[in-house]
Amino acid sequence: MLNFIWEFLQAPVFQSLPRMPHWEAVKLCTLATIGDAAIMLGAFWCVAAATRARSWILHAGWRRLAGFAGIGIAITIVVELLSVSAGRWEYSGSMPVVPYAGIGLLPLAQWIVLPPLTAWFVRRQLT
């Protein structure tokens, strides 16, 4: 759910999203959230494989959380570069852009902010 909220909060900094019919924007944000969930699950399983423990999130130190977030950041960089260059989406003038990379700062910030929050919520629910 955190990713779903994030997608809607960053909607105004994309060129066409604020002008879309409401239901079309909801569908697009839902698809983006499904992609985010896939990235997060992939990152979780990469850290689980590296630590040889599915329960790593219950004892997530800064290195494990950095790996969790870092994998999300790396995947997001690739997705943003490919999507922007292919014209799948475009940023508005209000999107802060990473210099020289030409990708939005908010999609990257998502993977700095949400993985630790997600880990906290998971630990809270499982302990």
C-alpha atoms as a PDB file:
ATOM      1  CA  MET A   1       0.000   0.000   0.000  1.00  0.00           C
ATOM      2  CA  LEU A   2       2.897   2.385   0.610  1.00  0.00           C
ATOM      3  CA  ASN A   3       3.872   2.180  -3.052  1.00  0.00           C
ATOM      4  CA  PHE A   4       0.285   2.868  -4.131  1.00  0.00           C
ATOM      5  CA  ILE A   5       0.193   6.017  -2.017  1.00  0.00           C
ATOM      6  CA  TRP A   6       3.616   7.069  -3.351  1.00  0.00           C
ATOM      7  CA  GLU A   7       2.479   6.635  -6.953  1.00  0.00           C
ATOM      8  CA  PHE A   8      -0.471   8.969  -6.406  1.00  0.00           C
ATOM      9  CA  LEU A   9       1.608  11.515  -4.512  1.00  0.00           C
ATOM     10  CA  GLN A  10       4.122  11.765  -7.345  1.00  0.00           C
ATOM     11  CA  ALA A  11       1.470  11.831 -10.101  1.00  0.00           C
ATOM     12  CA  PRO A  12       1.555  15.652 -10.483  1.00  0.00           C
ATOM     13  CA  VAL A  13       5.220  15.577 -11.552  1.00  0.00           C
ATOM     14  CA  PHE A  14       4.506  13.446 -14.611  1.00  0.00           C
ATOM     15  CA  GLN A  15       3.490  15.209 -17.799  1.00  0.00           C
ATOM     16  CA  SER A  16       0.256  13.471 -18.803  1.00  0.00           C
ATOM     17  CA  LEU A  17      -0.946  11.842 -15.582  1.00  0.00           C
ATOM     18  CA  PRO A  18      -2.689  14.894 -14.046  1.00  0.00           C
ATOM     19  CA  ARG A  19      -4.667  15.440 -17.272  1.00  0.00           C
ATOM     20  CA  MET A  20      -5.849  11.832 -17.641  1.00  0.00           C
ATOM     21  CA  PRO A  21      -9.417  10.813 -16.855  1.00  0.00           C
ATOM     22  CA  HIS A  22      -9.558   9.751 -13.204  1.00  0.00           C
ATOM     23  CA  TRP A  23     -10.103   6.040 -13.809  1.00  0.00           C
ATOM     24  CA  GLU A  24      -7.258   5.910 -16.363  1.00  0.00           C
ATOM     25  CA  ALA A  25      -4.904   7.513 -13.826  1.00  0.00           C
ATOM     26  CA  VAL A  26      -6.019   5.042 -11.142  1.00  0.00           C
ATOM     27  CA  LYS A  27      -5.349   2.105 -13.494  1.00  0.00           C
ATOM     28  CA  LEU A  28      -1.918   3.486 -14.413  1.00  0.00           C
ATOM     29  CA  CYS A  29      -0.950   4.041 -10.765  1.00  0.00           C
ATOM     30  CA  THR A  30      -2.191   0.535  -9.938  1.00  0.00           C
ATOM     31  CA  LEU A  31      -0.020  -0.961 -12.686  1.00  0.00           C
ATOM     32  CA  ALA A  32       2.951   1.050 -11.432  1.00  0.00           C
ATOM     33  CA  THR A  33       2.266  -0.252  -7.915  1.00  0.00           C
ATOM     34  CA  ILE A  34       2.229  -3.843  -9.175  1.00  0.00           C
ATOM     35  CA  GLY A  35       5.602  -3.179 -10.794  1.00  0.00           C
ATOM     36  CA  ASP A  36       6.873  -1.673  -7.538  1.00  0.00           C
ATOM     37  CA  ALA A  37       5.676  -4.742  -5.634  1.00  0.00           C
ATOM     38  CA  ALA A  38       7.509  -7.006  -8.084  1.00  0.00           C
ATOM     39  CA  ILE A  39      10.692  -4.980  -7.635  1.00  0.00           C
ATOM     40  CA  MET A  40      10.318  -5.104  -3.854  1.00  0.00           C
ATOM     41  CA  LEU A  41       9.736  -8.864  -3.859  1.00  0.00           C
ATOM     42  CA  GLY A  42      12.727  -9.355  -6.134  1.00  0.00           C
ATOM     43  CA  ALA A  43      14.871  -7.230  -3.834  1.00  0.00           C
ATOM     44  CA  PHE A  44      13.603  -9.148  -0.794  1.00  0.00           C
ATOM     45  CA  TRP A  45      14.519 -12.500  -2.364  1.00  0.00           C
ATOM     46  CA  CYS A  46      17.948 -11.250  -3.466  1.00  0.00           C
ATOM     47  CA  VAL A  47      18.745 -10.263   0.121  1.00  0.00           C
ATOM     48  CA  ALA A  48      17.256 -13.555   1.347  1.00  0.00           C
ATOM     49  CA  ALA A  49      19.531 -15.463  -1.039  1.00  0.00           C
ATOM     50  CA  ALA A  50      22.573 -13.425   0.003  1.00  0.00           C
ATOM     51  CA  THR A  51      21.873 -13.948   3.707  1.00  0.00           C
ATOM     52  CA  ARG A  52      20.558 -17.490   3.251  1.00  0.00           C
ATOM     53  CA  ALA A  53      17.572 -16.593   5.387  1.00  0.00           C
ATOM     54  CA  ARG A  54      14.019 -15.717   4.443  1.00  0.00           C
ATOM     55  CA  SER A  55      13.610 -14.205   7.886  1.00  0.00           C
ATOM     56  CA  TRP A  56      16.360 -11.604   7.341  1.00  0.00           C
ATOM     57  CA  ILE A  57      13.766  -8.839   7.481  1.00  0.00           C
ATOM     58  CA  LEU A  58      13.086  -9.632  11.147  1.00  0.00           C
ATOM     59  CA  HIS A  59      16.704  -8.766  11.957  1.00  0.00           C
ATOM     60  CA  ALA A  60      17.409  -6.263   9.216  1.00  0.00           C
ATOM     61  CA  GLY A  61      20.522  -4.304  10.025  1.00  0.00           C
ATOM     62  CA  TRP A  62      21.663  -1.359   7.956  1.00  0.00           C
ATOM     63  CA  ARG A  63      23.595  -3.566   5.473  1.00  0.00           C
ATOM     64  CA  ARG A  64      20.581  -5.727   4.703  1.00  0.00           C
ATOM     65  CA  LEU A  65      18.327  -2.694   4.391  1.00  0.00           C
ATOM     66  CA  ALA A  66      20.913  -1.006   2.169  1.00  0.00           C
ATOM     67  CA  GLY A  67      20.945  -4.084  -0.055  1.00  0.00           C
ATOM     68  CA  PHE A  68      17.152  -4.177  -0.107  1.00  0.00           C
ATOM     69  CA  ALA A  69      16.932  -0.501  -1.062  1.00  0.00           C
ATOM     70  CA  GLY A  70      19.968  -0.629  -3.367  1.00  0.00           C
ATOM     71  CA  ILE A  71      18.482  -3.371  -5.520  1.00  0.00           C
ATOM     72  CA  GLY A  72      15.272  -1.346  -5.837  1.00  0.00           C
ATOM     73  CA  ILE A  73      17.265   1.746  -6.776  1.00  0.00           C
ATOM     74  CA  ALA A  74      19.286  -0.131  -9.400  1.00  0.00           C
ATOM     75  CA  ILE A  75      16.182  -1.615 -11.015  1.00  0.00           C
ATOM     76  CA  THR A  76      14.401   1.745 -10.899  1.00  0.00           C
ATOM     77  CA  ILE A  77      17.317   3.472 -12.633  1.00  0.00           C
ATOM     78  CA  VAL A  78      17.135   0.969 -15.488  1.00  0.00           C
ATOM     79  CA  VAL A  79      13.319   1.175 -15.738  1.00  0.00           C
ATOM     80  CA  GLU A  80      13.322   4.988 -15.669  1.00  0.00           C
ATOM     81  CA  LEU A  81      16.105   5.279 -18.260  1.00  0.00           C
ATOM     82  CA  LEU A  82      14.393   2.843 -20.626  1.00  0.00           C
ATOM     83  CA  SER A  83      10.906   4.268 -20.120  1.00  0.00           C
ATOM     84  CA  VAL A  84      11.853   7.923 -20.498  1.00  0.00           C
ATOM     85  CA  SER A  85      14.020   7.257 -23.559  1.00  0.00           C
ATOM     86  CA  ALA A  86      11.234   5.148 -25.133  1.00  0.00           C
ATOM     87  CA  GLY A  87       8.651   7.853 -24.438  1.00  0.00           C
ATOM     88  CA  ARG A  88       6.523   5.677 -22.151  1.00  0.00           C
ATOM     89  CA  TRP A  89       6.318   8.601 -19.741  1.00  0.00           C
ATOM     90  CA  GLU A  90       7.564  12.119 -19.448  1.00  0.00           C
ATOM     91  CA  TYR A  91       8.313  14.303 -16.447  1.00  0.00           C
ATOM     92  CA  SER A  92       6.739  17.703 -15.921  1.00  0.00           C
ATOM     93  CA  GLY A  93       8.882  20.732 -15.187  1.00  0.00           C
ATOM     94  CA  SER A  94       8.268  20.281 -11.465  1.00  0.00           C
ATOM     95  CA  MET A  95      10.008  16.868 -11.305  1.00  0.00           C
ATOM     96  CA  PRO A  96      13.496  17.197  -9.828  1.00  0.00           C
ATOM     97  CA  VAL A  97      15.823  15.376 -12.219  1.00  0.00           C
ATOM     98  CA  VAL A  98      19.149  13.686 -11.430  1.00  0.00           C
ATOM     99  CA  PRO A  99      21.850  15.617 -13.319  1.00  0.00           C
ATOM    100  CA  TYR A 100      23.432  13.799 -16.271  1.00  0.00           C
ATOM    101  CA  ALA A 101      21.120  10.806 -15.825  1.00  0.00           C
ATOM    102  CA  GLY A 102      17.912  12.583 -16.834  1.00  0.00           C
ATOM    103  CA  ILE A 103      15.767  10.490 -14.522  1.00  0.00           C
ATOM    104  CA  GLY A 104      13.357  11.705 -11.877  1.00  0.00           C
ATOM    105  CA  LEU A 105      14.514  12.047  -8.306  1.00  0.00           C
ATOM    106  CA  LEU A 106      11.139  11.053  -6.804  1.00  0.00           C
ATOM    107  CA  PRO A 107      11.126   7.508  -8.265  1.00  0.00           C
ATOM    108  CA  LEU A 108      14.593   7.026  -6.756  1.00  0.00           C
ATOM    109  CA  ALA A 109      13.560   8.568  -3.438  1.00  0.00           C
ATOM    110  CA  GLN A 110      10.768   6.015  -3.303  1.00  0.00           C
ATOM    111  CA  TRP A 111      13.386   3.266  -2.953  1.00  0.00           C
ATOM    112  CA  ILE A 112      15.239   5.147  -0.238  1.00  0.00           C
ATOM    113  CA  VAL A 113      12.142   5.859   1.859  1.00  0.00           C
ATOM    114  CA  LEU A 114       9.836   2.867   1.387  1.00  0.00           C
ATOM    115  CA  PRO A 115      12.067  -0.225   1.919  1.00  0.00           C
ATOM    116  CA  PRO A 116      12.949   0.701   5.527  1.00  0.00           C
ATOM    117  CA  LEU A 117       9.294   1.552   6.218  1.00  0.00           C
ATOM    118  CA  THR A 118       8.175  -1.718   4.664  1.00  0.00           C
ATOM    119  CA  ALA A 119      10.700  -3.665   6.736  1.00  0.00           C
ATOM    120  CA  TRP A 120       9.476  -1.889   9.867  1.00  0.00           C
ATOM    121  CA  PHE A 121       5.838  -2.735   9.092  1.00  0.00           C
ATOM    122  CA  VAL A 122       6.694  -6.381   8.340  1.00  0.00           C
ATOM    123  CA  ARG A 123       8.685  -6.740  11.570  1.00  0.00           C
ATOM    124  CA  ARG A 124       5.855  -5.110  13.501  1.00  0.00           C
ATOM    125  CA  GLN A 125       3.320  -7.571  12.070  1.00  0.00           C
ATOM    126  CA  LEU A 126       5.455 -10.693  12.485  1.00  0.00           C
ATOM    127  CA  THR A 127       6.857 -10.135  15.954  1.00  0.00           C
END
